[in-house]
PDB file of N, CA and C in Angstrom:
ATOM      1  N   MET A   1      54.742 -47.886  13.158  1.00  0.00           N
ATOM      2  CA  MET A   1      53.512 -47.828  14.654  1.00  0.00           C
ATOM      3  C   MET A   1      53.358 -46.435  14.953  1.00  0.00           C
ATOM      4  N   ASP A   2      52.760 -46.446  15.724  1.00  0.00           N
ATOM      5  CA  ASP A   2      52.484 -45.183  16.085  1.00  0.00           C
ATOM      6  C   ASP A   2      52.764 -44.830  17.237  1.00  0.00           C
ATOM      7  N   GLY A   3      53.856 -43.231  17.688  1.00  0.00           N
ATOM      8  CA  GLY A   3      54.436 -43.001  18.955  1.00  0.00           C
ATOM      9  C   GLY A   3      53.343 -42.715  19.875  1.00  0.00           C
ATOM     10  N   THR A   4      52.194 -42.234  19.436  1.00  0.00           N
ATOM     11  CA  THR A   4      51.200 -41.573  20.467  1.00  0.00           C
ATOM     12  C   THR A   4      50.706 -42.437  21.383  1.00  0.00           C
ATOM     13  N   LYS A   5      50.846 -44.137  21.071  1.00  0.00           N
ATOM     14  CA  LYS A   5      50.049 -45.440  21.671  1.00  0.00           C
ATOM     15  C   LYS A   5      50.848 -45.954  22.176  1.00  0.00           C
ATOM     16  N   ARG A   6      50.742 -45.857  23.741  1.00  0.00           N
ATOM     17  CA  ARG A   6      51.910 -46.873  25.101  1.00  0.00           C
ATOM     18  C   ARG A   6      51.799 -47.638  24.606  1.00  0.00           C
ATOM     19  N   VAL A   7      50.739 -48.854  23.983  1.00  0.00           N
ATOM     20  CA  VAL A   7      51.076 -49.890  23.906  1.00  0.00           C
ATOM     21  C   VAL A   7      51.441 -50.139  22.954  1.00  0.00           C
ATOM     22  N   ASN A   8      52.088 -49.591  21.826  1.00  0.00           N
ATOM     23  CA  ASN A   8      52.681 -49.566  20.626  1.00  0.00           C
ATOM     24  C   ASN A   8      54.730 -49.771  21.151  1.00  0.00           C
ATOM     25  N   ILE A   9      54.991 -48.981  22.114  1.00  0.00           N
ATOM     26  CA  ILE A   9      55.733 -49.101  22.523  1.00  0.00           C
ATOM     27  C   ILE A   9      56.716 -50.186  24.138  1.00  0.00           C
ATOM     28  N   ARG A  10      57.699 -50.364  23.915  1.00  0.00           N
ATOM     29  CA  ARG A  10      58.308 -50.927  24.831  1.00  0.00           C
ATOM     30  C   ARG A  10      59.524 -51.390  25.195  1.00  0.00           C
ATOM     31  N   SER A  11      59.941 -51.217  26.449  1.00  0.00           N
ATOM     32  CA  SER A  11      61.666 -51.448  27.078  1.00  0.00           C
ATOM     33  C   SER A  11      62.225 -52.184  25.803  1.00  0.00           C
ATOM     34  N   GLY A  12      63.548 -51.643  25.419  1.00  0.00           N
ATOM     35  CA  GLY A  12      64.482 -52.211  24.401  1.00  0.00           C
ATOM     36  C   GLY A  12      63.736 -52.359  23.049  1.00  0.00           C
ATOM     37  N   MET A  13      62.693 -51.454  22.703  1.00  0.00           N
ATOM     38  CA  MET A  13      62.990 -51.207  21.051  1.00  0.00           C
ATOM     39  C   MET A  13      63.650 -49.951  20.778  1.00  0.00           C
ATOM     40  N   SER A  14      63.873 -50.229  19.095  1.00  0.00           N
ATOM     41  CA  SER A  14      64.852 -48.767  18.940  1.00  0.00           C
ATOM     42  C   SER A  14      63.629 -47.839  18.367  1.00  0.00           C
ATOM     43  N   VAL A  15      63.799 -46.660  18.776  1.00  0.00           N
ATOM     44  CA  VAL A  15      63.040 -45.057  18.526  1.00  0.00           C
ATOM     45  C   VAL A  15      63.245 -43.883  17.874  1.00  0.00           C
ATOM     46  N   ALA A  16      63.370 -43.100  17.751  1.00  0.00           N
ATOM     47  CA  ALA A  16      63.588 -41.849  17.563  1.00  0.00           C
ATOM     48  C   ALA A  16      62.491 -41.284  18.519  1.00  0.00           C
ATOM     49  N   ILE A  17      63.232 -39.718  19.040  1.00  0.00           N
ATOM     50  CA  ILE A  17      62.549 -39.332  19.865  1.00  0.00           C
ATOM     51  C   ILE A  17      62.955 -37.775  19.539  1.00  0.00           C
ATOM     52  N   VAL A  18      62.305 -36.928  20.011  1.00  0.00           N
ATOM     53  CA  VAL A  18      62.238 -35.400  19.876  1.00  0.00           C
ATOM     54  C   VAL A  18      62.642 -34.990  21.162  1.00  0.00           C
ATOM     55  N   LEU A  19      63.892 -34.120  21.701  1.00  0.00           N
ATOM     56  CA  LEU A  19      64.219 -33.914  23.023  1.00  0.00           C
ATOM     57  C   LEU A  19      63.202 -32.527  23.021  1.00  0.00           C
ATOM     58  N   LYS A  20      63.311 -32.041  24.360  1.00  0.00           N
ATOM     59  CA  LYS A  20      62.413 -30.766  24.881  1.00  0.00           C
ATOM     60  C   LYS A  20      63.378 -29.363  23.869  1.00  0.00           C
ATOM     61  N   GLU A  21      64.717 -29.705  24.142  1.00  0.00           N
ATOM     62  CA  GLU A  21      65.487 -28.600  23.495  1.00  0.00           C
ATOM     63  C   GLU A  21      65.089 -28.404  21.726  1.00  0.00           C
ATOM     64  N   ASP A  22      64.940 -29.354  21.464  1.00  0.00           N
ATOM     65  CA  ASP A  22      64.563 -29.737  19.892  1.00  0.00           C
ATOM     66  C   ASP A  22      63.532 -29.716  19.524  1.00  0.00           C
ATOM     67  N   GLN A  23      62.740 -29.418  20.185  1.00  0.00           N
ATOM     68  CA  GLN A  23      60.967 -29.356  20.008  1.00  0.00           C
ATOM     69  C   GLN A  23      60.975 -28.153  18.946  1.00  0.00           C
ATOM     70  N   GLU A  24      61.236 -27.070  18.668  1.00  0.00           N
ATOM     71  CA  GLU A  24      61.219 -26.173  17.849  1.00  0.00           C
ATOM     72  C   GLU A  24      61.901 -26.424  16.424  1.00  0.00           C
ATOM     73  N   SER A  25      62.999 -27.273  16.526  1.00  0.00           N
ATOM     74  CA  SER A  25      63.583 -27.683  15.128  1.00  0.00           C
ATOM     75  C   SER A  25      63.145 -28.547  15.065  1.00  0.00           C
ATOM     76  N   GLY A  26      62.511 -29.726  15.153  1.00  0.00           N
ATOM     77  CA  GLY A  26      61.757 -31.023  15.115  1.00  0.00           C
ATOM     78  C   GLY A  26      63.097 -32.230  14.802  1.00  0.00           C
ATOM     79  N   ARG A  27      64.114 -31.784  15.522  1.00  0.00           N
ATOM     80  CA  ARG A  27      65.752 -32.728  15.373  1.00  0.00           C
ATOM     81  C   ARG A  27      65.037 -34.231  15.572  1.00  0.00           C
ATOM     82  N   LEU A  28      65.517 -34.903  15.392  1.00  0.00           N
ATOM     83  CA  LEU A  28      65.051 -36.091  16.047  1.00  0.00           C
ATOM     84  C   LEU A  28      66.365 -36.820  16.715  1.00  0.00           C
ATOM     85  N   THR A  29      65.894 -37.783  17.842  1.00  0.00           N
ATOM     86  CA  THR A  29      67.236 -38.947  18.761  1.00  0.00           C
ATOM     87  C   THR A  29      67.382 -39.744  18.566  1.00  0.00           C
ATOM     88  N   ASP A  30      67.922 -40.960  17.966  1.00  0.00           N
ATOM     89  CA  ASP A  30      68.017 -42.124  18.086  1.00  0.00           C
ATOM     90  C   ASP A  30      68.266 -43.047  19.098  1.00  0.00           C
ATOM     91  N   GLY A  31      67.206 -43.850  19.529  1.00  0.00           N
ATOM     92  CA  GLY A  31      68.567 -44.716  20.748  1.00  0.00           C
ATOM     93  C   GLY A  31      67.360 -45.914  21.205  1.00  0.00           C
ATOM     94  N   ILE A  32      67.734 -46.181  22.240  1.00  0.00           N
ATOM     95  CA  ILE A  32      66.396 -47.661  22.714  1.00  0.00           C
ATOM     96  C   ILE A  32      65.793 -47.349  23.907  1.00  0.00           C
ATOM     97  N   VAL A  33      64.656 -47.679  24.255  1.00  0.00           N
ATOM     98  CA  VAL A  33      63.802 -47.608  25.082  1.00  0.00           C
ATOM     99  C   VAL A  33      64.020 -47.728  26.117  1.00  0.00           C
ATOM    100  N   ARG A  34      64.418 -47.214  27.458  1.00  0.00           N
ATOM    101  CA  ARG A  34      64.909 -47.936  28.601  1.00  0.00           C
ATOM    102  C   ARG A  34      63.666 -48.047  29.809  1.00  0.00           C
ATOM    103  N   ASP A  35      63.013 -46.889  29.513  1.00  0.00           N
ATOM    104  CA  ASP A  35      61.757 -46.441  30.595  1.00  0.00           C
ATOM    105  C   ASP A  35      60.722 -45.929  29.978  1.00  0.00           C
ATOM    106  N   ILE A  36      59.326 -46.145  30.131  1.00  0.00           N
ATOM    107  CA  ILE A  36      58.352 -45.421  29.942  1.00  0.00           C
ATOM    108  C   ILE A  36      58.005 -44.698  30.590  1.00  0.00           C
ATOM    109  N   LEU A  37      57.839 -43.487  30.840  1.00  0.00           N
ATOM    110  CA  LEU A  37      57.389 -42.338  31.472  1.00  0.00           C
ATOM    111  C   LEU A  37      55.905 -41.869  31.522  1.00  0.00           C
ATOM    112  N   THR A  38      55.653 -41.603  30.391  1.00  0.00           N
ATOM    113  CA  THR A  38      53.878 -41.735  30.097  1.00  0.00           C
ATOM    114  C   THR A  38      53.169 -42.704  31.038  1.00  0.00           C
ATOM    115  N   LYS A  39      51.851 -41.963  31.689  1.00  0.00           N
ATOM    116  CA  LYS A  39      51.140 -43.432  32.627  1.00  0.00           C
ATOM    117  C   LYS A  39      49.921 -43.454  31.840  1.00  0.00           C
ATOM    118  N   SER A  40      49.414 -42.520  30.876  1.00  0.00           N
ATOM    119  CA  SER A  40      48.529 -42.273  30.405  1.00  0.00           C
ATOM    120  C   SER A  40      48.623 -43.399  29.481  1.00  0.00           C
ATOM    121  N   SER A  41      47.267 -44.374  28.382  1.00  0.00           N
ATOM    122  CA  SER A  41      47.639 -44.773  26.895  1.00  0.00           C
ATOM    123  C   SER A  41      48.082 -44.237  26.008  1.00  0.00           C
ATOM    124  N   THR A  42      47.154 -43.171  25.974  1.00  0.00           N
ATOM    125  CA  THR A  42      47.919 -42.008  24.588  1.00  0.00           C
ATOM    126  C   THR A  42      48.032 -40.461  25.299  1.00  0.00           C
ATOM    127  N   HIS A  43      48.984 -40.008  24.290  1.00  0.00           N
ATOM    128  CA  HIS A  43      49.523 -38.850  24.108  1.00  0.00           C
ATOM    129  C   HIS A  43      49.599 -37.782  23.025  1.00  0.00           C
ATOM    130  N   PRO A  44      49.065 -37.018  22.794  1.00  0.00           N
ATOM    131  CA  PRO A  44      49.017 -36.325  21.495  1.00  0.00           C
ATOM    132  C   PRO A  44      50.376 -36.336  20.719  1.00  0.00           C
ATOM    133  N   HIS A  45      51.589 -35.581  21.721  1.00  0.00           N
ATOM    134  CA  HIS A  45      52.199 -35.622  21.009  1.00  0.00           C
ATOM    135  C   HIS A  45      53.369 -36.513  20.932  1.00  0.00           C
ATOM    136  N   GLY A  46      53.171 -37.726  21.086  1.00  0.00           N
ATOM    137  CA  GLY A  46      54.167 -38.873  21.597  1.00  0.00           C
ATOM    138  C   GLY A  46      54.225 -38.960  23.157  1.00  0.00           C
ATOM    139  N   ILE A  47      54.568 -40.761  23.358  1.00  0.00           N
ATOM    140  CA  ILE A  47      54.680 -40.959  24.611  1.00  0.00           C
ATOM    141  C   ILE A  47      56.421 -40.631  24.608  1.00  0.00           C
ATOM    142  N   LYS A  48      56.185 -40.138  26.145  1.00  0.00           N
ATOM    143  CA  LYS A  48      57.718 -39.730  26.632  1.00  0.00           C
ATOM    144  C   LYS A  48      58.580 -40.733  27.145  1.00  0.00           C
ATOM    145  N   VAL A  49      59.404 -40.675  26.508  1.00  0.00           N
ATOM    146  CA  VAL A  49      60.311 -42.079  27.421  1.00  0.00           C
ATOM    147  C   VAL A  49      61.784 -41.907  27.505  1.00  0.00           C
ATOM    148  N   ARG A  50      62.600 -42.373  28.125  1.00  0.00           N
ATOM    149  CA  ARG A  50      63.810 -42.523  28.869  1.00  0.00           C
ATOM    150  C   ARG A  50      64.807 -43.233  27.786  1.00  0.00           C
ATOM    151  N   LEU A  51      65.702 -42.962  27.214  1.00  0.00           N
ATOM    152  CA  LEU A  51      66.619 -44.025  26.614  1.00  0.00           C
ATOM    153  C   LEU A  51      67.251 -44.674  27.444  1.00  0.00           C
ATOM    154  N   MET A  52      67.920 -45.455  27.029  1.00  0.00           N
ATOM    155  CA  MET A  52      69.454 -45.892  27.494  1.00  0.00           C
ATOM    156  C   MET A  52      70.871 -45.148  27.458  1.00  0.00           C
ATOM    157  N   SER A  53      70.238 -43.797  26.597  1.00  0.00           N
ATOM    158  CA  SER A  53      71.976 -42.719  27.121  1.00  0.00           C
ATOM    159  C   SER A  53      70.734 -42.151  27.875  1.00  0.00           C
ATOM    160  N   ARG A  54      69.838 -42.435  28.457  1.00  0.00           N
ATOM    161  CA  ARG A  54      69.189 -41.121  29.847  1.00  0.00           C
ATOM    162  C   ARG A  54      68.637 -39.732  29.421  1.00  0.00           C
ATOM    163  N   GLU A  55      68.429 -39.779  28.026  1.00  0.00           N
ATOM    164  CA  GLU A  55      68.030 -38.661  27.336  1.00  0.00           C
ATOM    165  C   GLU A  55      66.456 -39.186  27.310  1.00  0.00           C
ATOM    166  N   VAL A  56      65.541 -37.535  27.854  1.00  0.00           N
ATOM    167  CA  VAL A  56      64.124 -38.091  28.022  1.00  0.00           C
ATOM    168  C   VAL A  56      63.568 -37.534  26.556  1.00  0.00           C
ATOM    169  N   GLY A  57      62.625 -37.729  25.939  1.00  0.00           N
ATOM    170  CA  GLY A  57      61.866 -36.879  24.999  1.00  0.00           C
ATOM    171  C   GLY A  57      60.511 -38.052  24.651  1.00  0.00           C
ATOM    172  N   ARG A  58      59.847 -37.356  23.686  1.00  0.00           N
ATOM    173  CA  ARG A  58      58.810 -38.110  23.055  1.00  0.00           C
ATOM    174  C   ARG A  58      58.582 -38.872  21.608  1.00  0.00           C
ATOM    175  N   VAL A  59      58.573 -40.034  21.498  1.00  0.00           N
ATOM    176  CA  VAL A  59      57.968 -40.637  20.760  1.00  0.00           C
ATOM    177  C   VAL A  59      57.235 -40.411  19.467  1.00  0.00           C
ATOM    178  N   LYS A  60      58.460 -40.017  18.579  1.00  0.00           N
ATOM    179  CA  LYS A  60      58.019 -39.786  17.039  1.00  0.00           C
ATOM    180  C   LYS A  60      58.049 -40.915  16.081  1.00  0.00           C
ATOM    181  N   VAL A  61      59.060 -42.164  15.897  1.00  0.00           N
ATOM    182  CA  VAL A  61      59.207 -42.980  15.243  1.00  0.00           C
ATOM    183  C   VAL A  61      59.581 -43.958  15.898  1.00  0.00           C
ATOM    184  N   ILE A  62      59.011 -45.025  15.308  1.00  0.00           N
ATOM    185  CA  ILE A  62      59.491 -46.885  16.167  1.00  0.00           C
ATOM    186  C   ILE A  62      59.889 -47.162  15.179  1.00  0.00           C
ATOM    187  N   HIS A  63      61.223 -47.455  14.866  1.00  0.00           N
ATOM    188  CA  HIS A  63      61.946 -48.120  13.984  1.00  0.00           C
ATOM    189  C   HIS A  63      61.422 -49.789  13.916  1.00  0.00           C
TER     190      HIS A  63
END
């Protein structure tokens, strides 16, 4: 599924995000979606979410 479309992401889903500080390296962080922060239906760099661990980043992979 595509992490750039809000419709593909739901609270409780397992995803991999890239944190702001990891954007250069591209390191991914796995977690469960707590909140969807992006209001628009799409975003070219990925929908911004907050994980259950309270980390915030853009969705790159939906598991």
